[in-house]
C-alpha atoms as a PDB file:
ATOM      1  CA  MET A   1       0.000   0.000   0.000  1.00  0.00           C
ATOM      2  CA  SER A   2       1.462   3.345  -0.968  1.00  0.00           C
ATOM      3  CA  LYS A   3       1.229   6.484   1.109  1.00  0.00           C
ATOM      4  CA  THR A   4      -0.486   9.649   0.037  1.00  0.00           C
ATOM      5  CA  VAL A   5       1.497  12.868   0.141  1.00  0.00           C
ATOM      6  CA  ILE A   6      -0.528  16.073  -0.004  1.00  0.00           C
ATOM      7  CA  MET A   7       1.069  19.265  -1.233  1.00  0.00           C
ATOM      8  CA  TYR A   8      -0.820  22.482  -0.590  1.00  0.00           C
ATOM      9  CA  THR A   9      -0.092  24.848  -3.434  1.00  0.00           C
ATOM     10  CA  LYS A  10      -1.357  27.748  -5.568  1.00  0.00           C
ATOM     11  CA  GLU A  11      -0.933  28.904  -9.144  1.00  0.00           C
ATOM     12  CA  ASN A  12       2.094  30.992 -10.134  1.00  0.00           C
ATOM     13  CA  CYS A  13       4.183  29.842  -7.171  1.00  0.00           C
ATOM     14  CA  PRO A  14       7.851  29.158  -8.022  1.00  0.00           C
ATOM     15  CA  LEU A  15       8.490  27.491  -4.658  1.00  0.00           C
ATOM     16  CA  CYS A  16       5.508  25.213  -5.283  1.00  0.00           C
ATOM     17  CA  ASP A  17       6.868  24.285  -8.707  1.00  0.00           C
ATOM     18  CA  LYS A  18      10.238  23.370  -7.177  1.00  0.00           C
ATOM     19  CA  ALA A  19       8.583  21.356  -4.413  1.00  0.00           C
ATOM     20  CA  GLN A  20       6.424  19.473  -6.906  1.00  0.00           C
ATOM     21  CA  LYS A  21       9.510  18.618  -8.967  1.00  0.00           C
ATOM     22  CA  ILE A  22      11.218  17.233  -5.843  1.00  0.00           C
ATOM     23  CA  LEU A  23       8.174  15.128  -4.977  1.00  0.00           C
ATOM     24  CA  VAL A  24       7.933  13.744  -8.505  1.00  0.00           C
ATOM     25  CA  GLU A  25      11.650  12.824  -8.350  1.00  0.00           C
ATOM     26  CA  LEU A  26      11.042  11.028  -5.041  1.00  0.00           C
ATOM     27  CA  GLN A  27       8.169   9.050  -6.557  1.00  0.00           C
ATOM     28  CA  ALA A  28      10.742   7.319  -8.779  1.00  0.00           C
ATOM     29  CA  GLU A  29      12.490   6.043  -5.632  1.00  0.00           C
ATOM     30  CA  ILE A  30       9.612   5.547  -3.199  1.00  0.00           C
ATOM     31  CA  PRO A  31       6.088   4.766  -4.391  1.00  0.00           C
ATOM     32  CA  PHE A  32       3.463   7.204  -3.112  1.00  0.00           C
ATOM     33  CA  GLN A  33       0.400   9.046  -4.343  1.00  0.00           C
ATOM     34  CA  LEU A  34       0.871  12.774  -4.831  1.00  0.00           C
ATOM     35  CA  GLU A  35      -2.204  14.917  -4.279  1.00  0.00           C
ATOM     36  CA  LEU A  36      -1.972  18.619  -5.156  1.00  0.00           C
ATOM     37  CA  THR A  37      -4.425  20.863  -3.340  1.00  0.00           C
ATOM     38  CA  ASP A  38      -4.922  24.473  -4.432  1.00  0.00           C
ATOM     39  CA  ILE A  39      -5.439  26.522  -1.264  1.00  0.00           C
ATOM     40  CA  TYR A  40      -7.419  29.119  -3.219  1.00  0.00           C
ATOM     41  CA  LYS A  41     -10.230  26.593  -3.698  1.00  0.00           C
ATOM     42  CA  ASP A  42     -10.853  26.303   0.057  1.00  0.00           C
ATOM     43  CA  ASP A  43     -11.181  29.351   2.324  1.00  0.00           C
ATOM     44  CA  GLN A  44      -9.996  27.459   5.420  1.00  0.00           C
ATOM     45  CA  LEU A  45      -6.878  26.217   3.653  1.00  0.00           C
ATOM     46  CA  LEU A  46      -6.212  29.680   2.279  1.00  0.00           C
ATOM     47  CA  GLU A  47      -6.421  31.202   5.750  1.00  0.00           C
ATOM     48  CA  LYS A  48      -4.225  28.477   7.257  1.00  0.00           C
ATOM     49  CA  TYR A  49      -1.523  28.190   4.586  1.00  0.00           C
ATOM     50  CA  GLN A  50      -1.404  31.418   2.571  1.00  0.00           C
ATOM     51  CA  LEU A  51       1.975  32.507   3.977  1.00  0.00           C
ATOM     52  CA  MET A  52       3.419  28.987   4.291  1.00  0.00           C
ATOM     53  CA  ILE A  53       2.955  27.337   0.895  1.00  0.00           C
ATOM     54  CA  PRO A  54       4.067  25.024  -0.389  1.00  0.00           C
ATOM     55  CA  VAL A  55       3.192  22.725   2.509  1.00  0.00           C
ATOM     56  CA  VAL A  56       3.892  18.984   2.340  1.00  0.00           C
ATOM     57  CA  GLU A  57       1.703  16.746   4.484  1.00  0.00           C
ATOM     58  CA  ILE A  58       2.178  13.023   5.087  1.00  0.00           C
ATOM     59  CA  ALA A  59      -0.315  10.982   7.135  1.00  0.00           C
ATOM     60  CA  GLY A  60      -1.997  14.126   8.436  1.00  0.00           C
ATOM     61  CA  GLU A  61       1.264  15.675   9.632  1.00  0.00           C
ATOM     62  CA  GLU A  62       2.815  18.803   8.143  1.00  0.00           C
ATOM     63  CA  ILE A  63       6.336  17.682   7.296  1.00  0.00           C
ATOM     64  CA  ALA A  64       7.751  20.747   5.565  1.00  0.00           C
ATOM     65  CA  TYR A  65       6.759  24.132   4.175  1.00  0.00           C
ATOM     66  CA  GLY A  66       8.276  27.009   2.244  1.00  0.00           C
ATOM     67  CA  VAL A  67      11.570  25.789   0.815  1.00  0.00           C
ATOM     68  CA  ILE A  68      11.172  22.009   0.532  1.00  0.00           C
ATOM     69  CA  HIS A  69      14.260  19.852   1.016  1.00  0.00           C
ATOM     70  CA  LYS A  70      14.287  16.490  -0.752  1.00  0.00           C
ATOM     71  CA  ASP A  71      16.235  14.690   2.000  1.00  0.00           C
ATOM     72  CA  VAL A  72      13.698  15.687   4.686  1.00  0.00           C
ATOM     73  CA  ILE A  73      10.742  14.350   2.692  1.00  0.00           C
ATOM     74  CA  LYS A  74      12.636  11.208   1.660  1.00  0.00           C
ATOM     75  CA  LYS A  75      13.549  10.430   5.269  1.00  0.00           C
ATOM     76  CA  ARG A  76       9.931  10.797   6.413  1.00  0.00           C
ATOM     77  CA  LEU A  77       8.652   8.618   3.579  1.00  0.00           C
ATOM     78  CA  GLN A  78      11.192   5.929   4.433  1.00  0.00           C
ATOM     79  CA  GLN A  79      10.277   6.092   8.120  1.00  0.00           C
ATOM     80  CA  GLY A  80       6.645   5.567   7.211  1.00  0.00           C
ATOM     81  CA  LEU A  81       7.473   2.515   5.101  1.00  0.00           C
ATOM     82  CA  ASN A  82       9.677   0.964   7.774  1.00  0.00           C
ATOM     83  CA  GLY A  83       7.669   1.968  10.839  1.00  0.00           C
END
């Protein structure tokens, strides 16, 4: 069973584009579903994340936001698979 990784994002967001590229690269190493959620389509998400995006969430936990580092996400994904 593969995990689902949610990335909160918005249009025209260079940091979001970089984060998405990192997540897609990680999918080649570790199988997981990537779900992109536009915060502008949900007022609660917009209020919560507007200054933080991109935000990466795994198993209901916010793992990283802003500048996303591949090694941090990879480590958390591997922990989830082994734990």
